[in-house]
PDB file of N, CA and C in Angstrom:
ATOM      1  N   MET A   1     -12.446  -4.427  12.801  1.00  0.00           N
ATOM      2  CA  MET A   1     -11.025  -4.435  12.440  1.00  0.00           C
ATOM      3  C   MET A   1     -11.059  -4.674  10.492  1.00  0.00           C
ATOM      4  N   LYS A   2     -10.667  -3.417   9.867  1.00  0.00           N
ATOM      5  CA  LYS A   2     -10.340  -3.601   8.774  1.00  0.00           C
ATOM      6  C   LYS A   2      -8.824  -4.161   8.367  1.00  0.00           C
ATOM      7  N   LYS A   3      -8.910  -4.836   7.287  1.00  0.00           N
ATOM      8  CA  LYS A   3      -7.523  -4.922   6.762  1.00  0.00           C
ATOM      9  C   LYS A   3      -7.360  -4.102   5.657  1.00  0.00           C
ATOM     10  N   ILE A   4      -6.976  -3.740   5.317  1.00  0.00           N
ATOM     11  CA  ILE A   4      -5.830  -2.409   3.982  1.00  0.00           C
ATOM     12  C   ILE A   4      -5.004  -2.273   3.237  1.00  0.00           C
ATOM     13  N   GLU A   5      -4.864  -3.099   2.104  1.00  0.00           N
ATOM     14  CA  GLU A   5      -4.071  -3.473   0.871  1.00  0.00           C
ATOM     15  C   GLU A   5      -4.103  -1.908   0.331  1.00  0.00           C
ATOM     16  N   ALA A   6      -3.182  -1.065   0.323  1.00  0.00           N
ATOM     17  CA  ALA A   6      -2.671  -0.142  -0.843  1.00  0.00           C
ATOM     18  C   ALA A   6      -1.312  -0.484  -1.755  1.00  0.00           C
ATOM     19  N   ILE A   7      -1.655  -0.529  -2.932  1.00  0.00           N
ATOM     20  CA  ILE A   7      -0.437  -0.944  -4.008  1.00  0.00           C
ATOM     21  C   ILE A   7      -0.495   0.606  -4.623  1.00  0.00           C
ATOM     22  N   ILE A   8       1.049   0.725  -4.180  1.00  0.00           N
ATOM     23  CA  ILE A   8       1.422   2.152  -4.352  1.00  0.00           C
ATOM     24  C   ILE A   8       2.920   2.060  -5.569  1.00  0.00           C
ATOM     25  N   ARG A   9       3.176   3.289  -5.085  1.00  0.00           N
ATOM     26  CA  ARG A   9       4.358   3.682  -6.375  1.00  0.00           C
ATOM     27  C   ARG A   9       5.645   3.520  -5.354  1.00  0.00           C
ATOM     28  N   PRO A  10       7.002   2.759  -5.954  1.00  0.00           N
ATOM     29  CA  PRO A  10       7.758   2.752  -4.388  1.00  0.00           C
ATOM     30  C   PRO A  10       8.397   3.684  -4.790  1.00  0.00           C
ATOM     31  N   ILE A  11       8.747   4.706  -5.278  1.00  0.00           N
ATOM     32  CA  ILE A  11       8.589   5.943  -5.334  1.00  0.00           C
ATOM     33  C   ILE A  11       8.753   6.803  -3.775  1.00  0.00           C
ATOM     34  N   ARG A  12       7.203   6.479  -3.781  1.00  0.00           N
ATOM     35  CA  ARG A  12       5.928   6.912  -2.476  1.00  0.00           C
ATOM     36  C   ARG A  12       5.844   6.148  -1.188  1.00  0.00           C
ATOM     37  N   LEU A  13       6.613   5.167  -1.237  1.00  0.00           N
ATOM     38  CA  LEU A  13       6.804   4.544   0.342  1.00  0.00           C
ATOM     39  C   LEU A  13       7.020   5.311   1.419  1.00  0.00           C
ATOM     40  N   ASP A  14       8.693   6.106   1.451  1.00  0.00           N
ATOM     41  CA  ASP A  14       9.002   6.494   2.216  1.00  0.00           C
ATOM     42  C   ASP A  14       8.085   7.715   3.010  1.00  0.00           C
ATOM     43  N   ILE A  15       7.640   7.755   1.732  1.00  0.00           N
ATOM     44  CA  ILE A  15       7.039   9.548   2.031  1.00  0.00           C
ATOM     45  C   ILE A  15       4.871   9.400   2.738  1.00  0.00           C
ATOM     46  N   VAL A  16       4.926   8.070   2.551  1.00  0.00           N
ATOM     47  CA  VAL A  16       3.592   7.318   3.321  1.00  0.00           C
ATOM     48  C   VAL A  16       3.402   6.693   4.176  1.00  0.00           C
ATOM     49  N   LYS A  17       4.835   6.193   4.641  1.00  0.00           N
ATOM     50  CA  LYS A  17       4.857   5.489   6.053  1.00  0.00           C
ATOM     51  C   LYS A  17       5.335   6.374   7.153  1.00  0.00           C
ATOM     52  N   SER A  18       6.151   7.696   6.418  1.00  0.00           N
ATOM     53  CA  SER A  18       6.806   7.975   7.158  1.00  0.00           C
ATOM     54  C   SER A  18       5.144   9.150   7.980  1.00  0.00           C
ATOM     55  N   ALA A  19       3.766   9.624   6.762  1.00  0.00           N
ATOM     56  CA  ALA A  19       3.120   9.682   7.211  1.00  0.00           C
ATOM     57  C   ALA A  19       2.459   9.791   8.394  1.00  0.00           C
ATOM     58  N   LEU A  20       1.821   8.068   7.856  1.00  0.00           N
ATOM     59  CA  LEU A  20       1.474   7.035   8.614  1.00  0.00           C
ATOM     60  C   LEU A  20       1.984   6.534  10.468  1.00  0.00           C
ATOM     61  N   GLY A  21       3.611   6.840  10.352  1.00  0.00           N
ATOM     62  CA  GLY A  21       4.098   7.130  11.487  1.00  0.00           C
ATOM     63  C   GLY A  21       3.816   8.360  11.875  1.00  0.00           C
ATOM     64  N   GLU A  22       3.525   9.087  11.606  1.00  0.00           N
ATOM     65  CA  GLU A  22       3.211  10.184  12.152  1.00  0.00           C
ATOM     66  C   GLU A  22       2.375  10.400  12.462  1.00  0.00           C
ATOM     67  N   ALA A  23       0.934  10.044  12.338  1.00  0.00           N
ATOM     68  CA  ALA A  23      -0.628   9.424  12.661  1.00  0.00           C
ATOM     69  C   ALA A  23      -0.449   8.303  13.703  1.00  0.00           C
ATOM     70  N   GLY A  24       0.988   7.959  14.560  1.00  0.00           N
ATOM     71  CA  GLY A  24       0.555   6.639  15.159  1.00  0.00           C
ATOM     72  C   GLY A  24       0.770   5.428  14.550  1.00  0.00           C
ATOM     73  N   ILE A  25       0.362   5.126  13.758  1.00  0.00           N
ATOM     74  CA  ILE A  25      -0.102   4.100  12.335  1.00  0.00           C
ATOM     75  C   ILE A  25       1.668   3.327  12.956  1.00  0.00           C
ATOM     76  N   THR A  26       1.434   2.076  13.249  1.00  0.00           N
ATOM     77  CA  THR A  26       3.160   1.980  12.852  1.00  0.00           C
ATOM     78  C   THR A  26       3.015   0.000  12.148  1.00  0.00           C
ATOM     79  N   GLY A  27       2.047  -0.286  13.351  1.00  0.00           N
ATOM     80  CA  GLY A  27       1.738  -2.000  12.587  1.00  0.00           C
ATOM     81  C   GLY A  27       1.549  -1.993  10.437  1.00  0.00           C
ATOM     82  N   MET A  28       2.665  -2.520  10.201  1.00  0.00           N
ATOM     83  CA  MET A  28       2.103  -2.726   8.841  1.00  0.00           C
ATOM     84  C   MET A  28       3.525  -3.771   7.916  1.00  0.00           C
ATOM     85  N   THR A  29       2.471  -4.691   6.729  1.00  0.00           N
ATOM     86  CA  THR A  29       3.778  -5.327   6.113  1.00  0.00           C
ATOM     87  C   THR A  29       4.109  -4.784   4.534  1.00  0.00           C
ATOM     88  N   VAL A  30       4.943  -4.295   4.513  1.00  0.00           N
ATOM     89  CA  VAL A  30       5.549  -3.485   3.500  1.00  0.00           C
ATOM     90  C   VAL A  30       5.878  -5.479   2.157  1.00  0.00           C
ATOM     91  N   SER A  31       5.552  -5.511   0.857  1.00  0.00           N
ATOM     92  CA  SER A  31       6.378  -5.808  -0.032  1.00  0.00           C
ATOM     93  C   SER A  31       6.491  -5.884  -1.335  1.00  0.00           C
ATOM     94  N   ASP A  32       7.082  -5.750  -1.964  1.00  0.00           N
ATOM     95  CA  ASP A  32       7.760  -5.569  -3.521  1.00  0.00           C
ATOM     96  C   ASP A  32       6.525  -6.923  -3.770  1.00  0.00           C
ATOM     97  N   VAL A  33       5.787  -5.425  -5.253  1.00  0.00           N
ATOM     98  CA  VAL A  33       5.329  -6.769  -6.017  1.00  0.00           C
ATOM     99  C   VAL A  33       5.495  -6.106  -7.838  1.00  0.00           C
ATOM    100  N   ARG A  34       4.751  -6.635  -8.434  1.00  0.00           N
ATOM    101  CA  ARG A  34       4.851  -6.154 -10.236  1.00  0.00           C
ATOM    102  C   ARG A  34       3.731  -6.608 -10.702  1.00  0.00           C
ATOM    103  N   GLY A  35       2.661  -5.353 -11.111  1.00  0.00           N
ATOM    104  CA  GLY A  35       1.047  -5.481 -11.311  1.00  0.00           C
ATOM    105  C   GLY A  35       1.285  -3.828 -12.134  1.00  0.00           C
ATOM    106  N   CYS A  36      -0.209  -4.444 -12.775  1.00  0.00           N
ATOM    107  CA  CYS A  36      -0.782  -3.226 -13.783  1.00  0.00           C
ATOM    108  C   CYS A  36      -2.022  -2.902 -13.561  1.00  0.00           C
ATOM    109  N   GLY A  37      -2.350  -1.360 -13.872  1.00  0.00           N
ATOM    110  CA  GLY A  37      -3.517  -1.465 -13.919  1.00  0.00           C
ATOM    111  C   GLY A  37      -4.229  -0.675 -15.290  1.00  0.00           C
ATOM    112  N   ARG A  38      -5.086  -0.298 -15.345  1.00  0.00           N
ATOM    113  CA  ARG A  38      -4.870   0.640 -16.739  1.00  0.00           C
ATOM    114  C   ARG A  38      -4.428   1.122 -17.560  1.00  0.00           C
ATOM    115  N   GLN A  39      -3.556   1.196 -17.200  1.00  0.00           N
ATOM    116  CA  GLN A  39      -1.992   1.651 -17.429  1.00  0.00           C
ATOM    117  C   GLN A  39      -1.463   1.099 -18.482  1.00  0.00           C
ATOM    118  N   GLY A  40      -2.112  -0.848 -18.590  1.00  0.00           N
ATOM    119  CA  GLY A  40      -1.715  -1.399 -19.635  1.00  0.00           C
ATOM    120  C   GLY A  40      -0.607  -2.463 -18.778  1.00  0.00           C
ATOM    121  N   PRO A  41      -0.338  -3.650 -19.363  1.00  0.00           N
ATOM    122  CA  PRO A  41       0.874  -4.649 -19.246  1.00  0.00           C
ATOM    123  C   PRO A  41       2.232  -3.899 -19.681  1.00  0.00           C
ATOM    124  N   GLU A  42       2.657  -3.540 -20.747  1.00  0.00           N
ATOM    125  CA  GLU A  42       3.707  -2.695 -20.734  1.00  0.00           C
ATOM    126  C   GLU A  42       3.740  -1.454 -21.909  1.00  0.00           C
ATOM    127  N   THR A  43       4.506  -1.594 -21.763  1.00  0.00           N
ATOM    128  CA  THR A  43       5.117   0.722 -21.583  1.00  0.00           C
ATOM    129  C   THR A  43       6.720   0.514 -22.701  1.00  0.00           C
ATOM    130  N   PHE A  44       6.759   0.981 -23.534  1.00  0.00           N
ATOM    131  CA  PHE A  44       7.371   1.245 -25.311  1.00  0.00           C
ATOM    132  C   PHE A  44       8.648   2.725 -23.974  1.00  0.00           C
ATOM    133  N   GLY A  45       9.560   2.102 -24.519  1.00  0.00           N
ATOM    134  CA  GLY A  45       9.842   3.331 -25.173  1.00  0.00           C
ATOM    135  C   GLY A  45      11.069   3.494 -25.366  1.00  0.00           C
ATOM    136  N   SER A  46      12.309   4.657 -25.239  1.00  0.00           N
ATOM    137  CA  SER A  46      13.760   4.537 -25.646  1.00  0.00           C
ATOM    138  C   SER A  46      14.981   5.221 -24.963  1.00  0.00           C
ATOM    139  N   PHE A  47      15.337   4.555 -24.028  1.00  0.00           N
ATOM    140  CA  PHE A  47      16.683   5.311 -23.469  1.00  0.00           C
ATOM    141  C   PHE A  47      18.265   5.021 -24.185  1.00  0.00           C
ATOM    142  N   ARG A  48      19.230   6.284 -24.475  1.00  0.00           N
ATOM    143  CA  ARG A  48      19.999   6.477 -25.010  1.00  0.00           C
ATOM    144  C   ARG A  48      19.911   5.310 -26.707  1.00  0.00           C
ATOM    145  N   GLY A  49      19.114   5.289 -26.762  1.00  0.00           N
ATOM    146  CA  GLY A  49      18.897   4.536 -28.344  1.00  0.00           C
ATOM    147  C   GLY A  49      18.824   3.257 -28.300  1.00  0.00           C
ATOM    148  N   GLU A  50      18.308   2.761 -27.104  1.00  0.00           N
ATOM    149  CA  GLU A  50      17.740   1.602 -26.724  1.00  0.00           C
ATOM    150  C   GLU A  50      16.297   1.350 -26.408  1.00  0.00           C
ATOM    151  N   GLU A  51      15.900   0.801 -27.220  1.00  0.00           N
ATOM    152  CA  GLU A  51      14.397  -0.027 -26.848  1.00  0.00           C
ATOM    153  C   GLU A  51      14.456  -0.211 -25.873  1.00  0.00           C
ATOM    154  N   TYR A  52      13.292  -0.296 -25.560  1.00  0.00           N
ATOM    155  CA  TYR A  52      12.737  -1.221 -23.990  1.00  0.00           C
ATOM    156  C   TYR A  52      11.431  -1.544 -23.750  1.00  0.00           C
ATOM    157  N   ILE A  53      11.266  -2.574 -22.946  1.00  0.00           N
ATOM    158  CA  ILE A  53      10.160  -2.711 -22.568  1.00  0.00           C
ATOM    159  C   ILE A  53       9.464  -3.166 -21.883  1.00  0.00           C
ATOM    160  N   ILE A  54       8.811  -2.422 -21.053  1.00  0.00           N
ATOM    161  CA  ILE A  54       8.805  -3.020 -19.288  1.00  0.00           C
ATOM    162  C   ILE A  54       7.662  -3.591 -19.029  1.00  0.00           C
ATOM    163  N   ARG A  55       7.444  -4.711 -18.919  1.00  0.00           N
ATOM    164  CA  ARG A  55       5.891  -5.238 -19.225  1.00  0.00           C
ATOM    165  C   ARG A  55       5.536  -5.741 -17.393  1.00  0.00           C
ATOM    166  N   LEU A  56       6.137  -5.561 -16.607  1.00  0.00           N
ATOM    167  CA  LEU A  56       4.904  -5.124 -15.498  1.00  0.00           C
ATOM    168  C   LEU A  56       5.969  -4.295 -14.681  1.00  0.00           C
ATOM    169  N   PRO A  57       5.456  -3.589 -14.566  1.00  0.00           N
ATOM    170  CA  PRO A  57       5.885  -2.313 -13.509  1.00  0.00           C
ATOM    171  C   PRO A  57       5.944  -3.330 -11.499  1.00  0.00           C
ATOM    172  N   PRO A  58       6.981  -2.078 -11.385  1.00  0.00           N
ATOM    173  CA  PRO A  58       7.149  -2.434 -10.241  1.00  0.00           C
ATOM    174  C   PRO A  58       6.821  -1.646  -8.989  1.00  0.00           C
ATOM    175  N   LYS A  59       5.751  -2.628  -8.259  1.00  0.00           N
ATOM    176  CA  LYS A  59       4.609  -1.092  -7.473  1.00  0.00           C
ATOM    177  C   LYS A  59       5.333  -2.004  -5.790  1.00  0.00           C
ATOM    178  N   ILE A  60       4.851  -1.643  -4.934  1.00  0.00           N
ATOM    179  CA  ILE A  60       4.300  -1.890  -2.777  1.00  0.00           C
ATOM    180  C   ILE A  60       2.986  -2.200  -2.740  1.00  0.00           C
ATOM    181  N   ARG A  61       2.868  -3.346  -2.020  1.00  0.00           N
ATOM    182  CA  ARG A  61       1.748  -3.223  -1.748  1.00  0.00           C
ATOM    183  C   ARG A  61       2.196  -3.057   0.521  1.00  0.00           C
ATOM    184  N   LEU A  62       1.621  -2.167   0.613  1.00  0.00           N
ATOM    185  CA  LEU A  62       0.482  -1.929   2.223  1.00  0.00           C
ATOM    186  C   LEU A  62       0.117  -2.705   3.190  1.00  0.00           C
ATOM    187  N   GLU A  63       0.011  -3.303   3.483  1.00  0.00           N
ATOM    188  CA  GLU A  63      -0.994  -4.221   4.584  1.00  0.00           C
ATOM    189  C   GLU A  63      -0.857  -4.268   5.987  1.00  0.00           C
ATOM    190  N   LEU A  64      -2.125  -3.072   5.990  1.00  0.00           N
ATOM    191  CA  LEU A  64      -2.652  -3.146   7.453  1.00  0.00           C
ATOM    192  C   LEU A  64      -3.910  -3.668   7.887  1.00  0.00           C
ATOM    193  N   THR A  65      -3.315  -3.289   9.076  1.00  0.00           N
ATOM    194  CA  THR A  65      -4.927  -4.069   9.743  1.00  0.00           C
ATOM    195  C   THR A  65      -5.194  -2.679  11.299  1.00  0.00           C
ATOM    196  N   VAL A  66      -6.313  -2.586  10.838  1.00  0.00           N
ATOM    197  CA  VAL A  66      -6.314  -1.160  11.969  1.00  0.00           C
ATOM    198  C   VAL A  66      -8.162  -1.304  12.635  1.00  0.00           C
ATOM    199  N   ARG A  67      -8.364  -0.582  13.178  1.00  0.00           N
ATOM    200  CA  ARG A  67      -9.595  -0.093  13.684  1.00  0.00           C
ATOM    201  C   ARG A  67     -10.192   0.024  13.399  1.00  0.00           C
ATOM    202  N   ASP A  68     -11.834  -0.214  13.104  1.00  0.00           N
ATOM    203  CA  ASP A  68     -12.995   0.454  12.782  1.00  0.00           C
ATOM    204  C   ASP A  68     -12.522   1.912  12.303  1.00  0.00           C
ATOM    205  N   ASN A  69     -12.196   2.487  13.747  1.00  0.00           N
ATOM    206  CA  ASN A  69     -12.180   4.151  13.487  1.00  0.00           C
ATOM    207  C   ASN A  69     -10.824   5.062  12.886  1.00  0.00           C
ATOM    208  N   GLU A  70     -10.234   4.048  12.720  1.00  0.00           N
ATOM    209  CA  GLU A  70      -9.294   5.102  11.721  1.00  0.00           C
ATOM    210  C   GLU A  70      -9.099   4.167  10.548  1.00  0.00           C
ATOM    211  N   VAL A  71      -9.972   3.538  10.141  1.00  0.00           N
ATOM    212  CA  VAL A  71     -10.166   3.322   8.539  1.00  0.00           C
ATOM    213  C   VAL A  71      -9.712   4.567   7.973  1.00  0.00           C
ATOM    214  N   ASP A  72     -10.804   5.662   7.935  1.00  0.00           N
ATOM    215  CA  ASP A  72     -10.991   6.936   6.991  1.00  0.00           C
ATOM    216  C   ASP A  72      -9.389   7.545   7.391  1.00  0.00           C
ATOM    217  N   GLU A  73      -9.065   7.907   8.631  1.00  0.00           N
ATOM    218  CA  GLU A  73      -7.677   8.423   8.461  1.00  0.00           C
ATOM    219  C   GLU A  73      -6.355   7.863   7.561  1.00  0.00           C
ATOM    220  N   VAL A  74      -6.306   6.221   7.891  1.00  0.00           N
ATOM    221  CA  VAL A  74      -5.697   5.673   6.732  1.00  0.00           C
ATOM    222  C   VAL A  74      -5.159   5.891   5.716  1.00  0.00           C
ATOM    223  N   ILE A  75      -6.993   5.800   5.102  1.00  0.00           N
ATOM    224  CA  ILE A  75      -7.289   5.539   3.652  1.00  0.00           C
ATOM    225  C   ILE A  75      -6.984   7.675   3.252  1.00  0.00           C
ATOM    226  N   ASP A  76      -7.435   8.384   3.851  1.00  0.00           N
ATOM    227  CA  ASP A  76      -6.944   9.701   3.671  1.00  0.00           C
ATOM    228  C   ASP A  76      -4.968   9.946   4.015  1.00  0.00           C
ATOM    229  N   ILE A  77      -4.811   9.470   4.573  1.00  0.00           N
ATOM    230  CA  ILE A  77      -3.222   9.434   4.411  1.00  0.00           C
ATOM    231  C   ILE A  77      -2.856   9.074   3.302  1.00  0.00           C
ATOM    232  N   ILE A  78      -3.260   7.665   3.226  1.00  0.00           N
ATOM    233  CA  ILE A  78      -2.424   6.944   2.154  1.00  0.00           C
ATOM    234  C   ILE A  78      -2.786   7.942   0.485  1.00  0.00           C
ATOM    235  N   VAL A  79      -4.459   8.154   0.385  1.00  0.00           N
ATOM    236  CA  VAL A  79      -4.282   9.421  -0.493  1.00  0.00           C
ATOM    237  C   VAL A  79      -2.950   9.949  -1.230  1.00  0.00           C
ATOM    238  N   GLU A  80      -3.547  11.081   0.235  1.00  0.00           N
ATOM    239  CA  GLU A  80      -2.257  12.129   0.118  1.00  0.00           C
ATOM    240  C   GLU A  80      -1.309  12.067  -0.446  1.00  0.00           C
ATOM    241  N   ASN A  81      -0.454  10.720  -0.177  1.00  0.00           N
ATOM    242  CA  ASN A  81       0.892  11.301   0.281  1.00  0.00           C
ATOM    243  C   ASN A  81       1.003  10.468  -0.951  1.00  0.00           C
ATOM    244  N   ALA A  82       0.337   9.450  -1.260  1.00  0.00           N
ATOM    245  CA  ALA A  82       1.190   8.147  -2.296  1.00  0.00           C
ATOM    246  C   ALA A  82       1.066   8.325  -3.211  1.00  0.00           C
ATOM    247  N   ARG A  83      -0.450  10.178  -3.696  1.00  0.00           N
ATOM    248  CA  ARG A  83      -0.984  10.444  -5.446  1.00  0.00           C
ATOM    249  C   ARG A  83       0.326  11.825  -5.705  1.00  0.00           C
ATOM    250  N   THR A  84       1.009  11.053  -7.486  1.00  0.00           N
ATOM    251  CA  THR A  84       1.320  12.449  -8.048  1.00  0.00           C
ATOM    252  C   THR A  84      -0.048  12.661  -8.566  1.00  0.00           C
ATOM    253  N   GLY A  85      -0.261  11.746  -9.255  1.00  0.00           N
ATOM    254  CA  GLY A  85      -1.473  12.845 -10.510  1.00  0.00           C
ATOM    255  C   GLY A  85      -1.699  11.803 -11.573  1.00  0.00           C
ATOM    256  N   GLU A  86      -0.301  10.861 -12.150  1.00  0.00           N
ATOM    257  CA  GLU A  86      -0.776  10.030 -12.954  1.00  0.00           C
ATOM    258  C   GLU A  86      -1.166   8.878 -12.765  1.00  0.00           C
ATOM    259  N   GLU A  87      -1.617   8.236 -13.970  1.00  0.00           N
ATOM    260  CA  GLU A  87      -2.205   7.025 -14.097  1.00  0.00           C
ATOM    261  C   GLU A  87      -0.292   5.786 -13.296  1.00  0.00           C
ATOM    262  N   GLY A  88      -1.309   4.855 -12.475  1.00  0.00           N
ATOM    263  CA  GLY A  88       0.089   4.098 -12.208  1.00  0.00           C
ATOM    264  C   GLY A  88      -0.598   3.628 -10.717  1.00  0.00           C
ATOM    265  N   ASP A  89      -0.800   5.716 -10.122  1.00  0.00           N
ATOM    266  CA  ASP A  89      -0.539   5.631  -8.707  1.00  0.00           C
ATOM    267  C   ASP A  89      -0.854   5.321  -8.188  1.00  0.00           C
ATOM    268  N   GLY A  90      -1.702   3.869  -8.145  1.00  0.00           N
ATOM    269  CA  GLY A  90      -1.907   2.692  -7.260  1.00  0.00           C
ATOM    270  C   GLY A  90      -3.996   2.798  -6.833  1.00  0.00           C
ATOM    271  N   LYS A  91      -3.731   2.058  -5.935  1.00  0.00           N
ATOM    272  CA  LYS A  91      -4.900   1.110  -5.422  1.00  0.00           C
ATOM    273  C   LYS A  91      -5.310   1.358  -3.861  1.00  0.00           C
ATOM    274  N   ILE A  92      -6.396   0.937  -3.430  1.00  0.00           N
ATOM    275  CA  ILE A  92      -6.479   0.640  -2.104  1.00  0.00           C
ATOM    276  C   ILE A  92      -7.971   0.296  -1.571  1.00  0.00           C
ATOM    277  N   PHE A  93      -7.668  -1.173  -1.068  1.00  0.00           N
ATOM    278  CA  PHE A  93      -8.303  -2.267  -0.944  1.00  0.00           C
ATOM    279  C   PHE A  93      -8.613  -2.289   0.937  1.00  0.00           C
ATOM    280  N   VAL A  94      -9.979  -2.367   1.050  1.00  0.00           N
ATOM    281  CA  VAL A  94     -10.963  -2.220   1.951  1.00  0.00           C
ATOM    282  C   VAL A  94     -11.576  -3.664   2.328  1.00  0.00           C
ATOM    283  N   MET A  95     -10.675  -4.881   3.898  1.00  0.00           N
ATOM    284  CA  MET A  95     -11.555  -5.982   3.956  1.00  0.00           C
ATOM    285  C   MET A  95     -12.463  -6.129   5.177  1.00  0.00           C
ATOM    286  N   PRO A  96     -12.864  -6.335   5.445  1.00  0.00           N
ATOM    287  CA  PRO A  96     -12.863  -6.936   7.022  1.00  0.00           C
ATOM    288  C   PRO A  96     -11.962  -7.980   7.676  1.00  0.00           C
ATOM    289  N   ALA A  97     -11.761  -7.607   8.571  1.00  0.00           N
ATOM    290  CA  ALA A  97     -10.390  -8.969   9.130  1.00  0.00           C
ATOM    291  C   ALA A  97     -11.176  -9.670  10.442  1.00  0.00           C
ATOM    292  N   ALA A  98     -11.952 -10.499   9.935  1.00  0.00           N
ATOM    293  CA  ALA A  98     -12.550 -11.331  11.605  1.00  0.00           C
ATOM    294  C   ALA A  98     -11.688 -11.476  13.205  1.00  0.00           C
ATOM    295  N   GLU A  99     -10.539 -11.501  12.650  1.00  0.00           N
ATOM    296  CA  GLU A  99      -9.818 -11.786  13.831  1.00  0.00           C
ATOM    297  C   GLU A  99      -7.775 -11.371  13.374  1.00  0.00           C
ATOM    298  N   ALA A 100      -7.552 -11.111  14.641  1.00  0.00           N
ATOM    299  CA  ALA A 100      -6.198 -10.619  15.245  1.00  0.00           C
ATOM    300  C   ALA A 100      -5.837 -11.363  16.036  1.00  0.00           C
ATOM    301  N   ILE A 101      -5.291 -12.263  15.884  1.00  0.00           N
ATOM    302  CA  ILE A 101      -3.976 -12.902  17.532  1.00  0.00           C
ATOM    303  C   ILE A 101      -2.604 -12.853  17.715  1.00  0.00           C
ATOM    304  N   ARG A 102      -1.673 -12.412  18.658  1.00  0.00           N
ATOM    305  CA  ARG A 102      -0.749 -12.006  18.799  1.00  0.00           C
ATOM    306  C   ARG A 102       0.092 -13.609  19.227  1.00  0.00           C
ATOM    307  N   ILE A 103       0.996 -14.371  18.669  1.00  0.00           N
ATOM    308  CA  ILE A 103       1.071 -15.961  18.498  1.00  0.00           C
ATOM    309  C   ILE A 103       2.236 -15.798  19.425  1.00  0.00           C
ATOM    310  N   ARG A 104       2.408 -14.592  20.050  1.00  0.00           N
ATOM    311  CA  ARG A 104       3.369 -15.123  21.707  1.00  0.00           C
ATOM    312  C   ARG A 104       2.716 -15.098  22.379  1.00  0.00           C
ATOM    313  N   THR A 105       2.225 -14.396  22.407  1.00  0.00           N
ATOM    314  CA  THR A 105       0.991 -14.469  23.941  1.00  0.00           C
ATOM    315  C   THR A 105      -0.242 -16.017  23.804  1.00  0.00           C
ATOM    316  N   GLY A 106      -1.126 -15.580  22.370  1.00  0.00           N
ATOM    317  CA  GLY A 106      -1.965 -15.954  22.073  1.00  0.00           C
ATOM    318  C   GLY A 106      -2.599 -15.217  22.515  1.00  0.00           C
ATOM    319  N   GLU A 107      -2.785 -13.823  22.344  1.00  0.00           N
ATOM    320  CA  GLU A 107      -4.206 -12.889  22.991  1.00  0.00           C
ATOM    321  C   GLU A 107      -4.491 -12.831  21.744  1.00  0.00           C
ATOM    322  N   SER A 108      -5.892 -12.350  21.612  1.00  0.00           N
ATOM    323  CA  SER A 108      -6.624 -12.038  20.301  1.00  0.00           C
ATOM    324  C   SER A 108      -7.683 -10.667  20.329  1.00  0.00           C
ATOM    325  N   GLY A 109      -8.154  -9.902  19.610  1.00  0.00           N
ATOM    326  CA  GLY A 109      -8.915  -9.520  18.990  1.00  0.00           C
ATOM    327  C   GLY A 109      -8.293  -7.892  18.697  1.00  0.00           C
ATOM    328  N   GLU A 110      -9.151  -6.697  19.200  1.00  0.00           N
ATOM    329  CA  GLU A 110      -8.606  -5.802  19.042  1.00  0.00           C
ATOM    330  C   GLU A 110      -7.132  -5.207  20.057  1.00  0.00           C
ATOM    331  N   GLY A 111      -7.102  -5.390  21.071  1.00  0.00           N
ATOM    332  CA  GLY A 111      -5.626  -5.507  21.538  1.00  0.00           C
ATOM    333  C   GLY A 111      -4.383  -5.626  21.178  1.00  0.00           C
ATOM    334  N   VAL A 112      -4.584  -6.260  20.200  1.00  0.00           N
ATOM    335  CA  VAL A 112      -3.140  -6.988  19.563  1.00  0.00           C
ATOM    336  C   VAL A 112      -3.104  -6.370  17.796  1.00  0.00           C
ATOM    337  N   LEU A 113      -3.788  -5.262  17.648  1.00  0.00           N
ATOM    338  CA  LEU A 113      -3.170  -3.817  17.462  1.00  0.00           C
ATOM    339  C   LEU A 113      -2.334  -3.232  17.828  1.00  0.00           C
TER     340      LEU A 113
END
């Protein structure tokens, strides 16, 4: 099992979620987060004559735990559907998941996914 954590743009969430659902990947956790990567922590701009600073842009963190044979497919789906081609599209992290336990029944292993 692997845990996949993806940081994506909020506007891409519905597209990514739908594509994952079409592929049969339904279990995920979604969190609103803030952060920055290479684009830096501050963006300066002007809107209707008012200057503004965005210190940390909003992002979405998707967390999925999948079987080893599903990892490449999930990554491909996220990359294809989250990409805008601009800085700040996000990152994907893949980590080993040692164990999964269903709290309701106490069942463990890949069967709980």
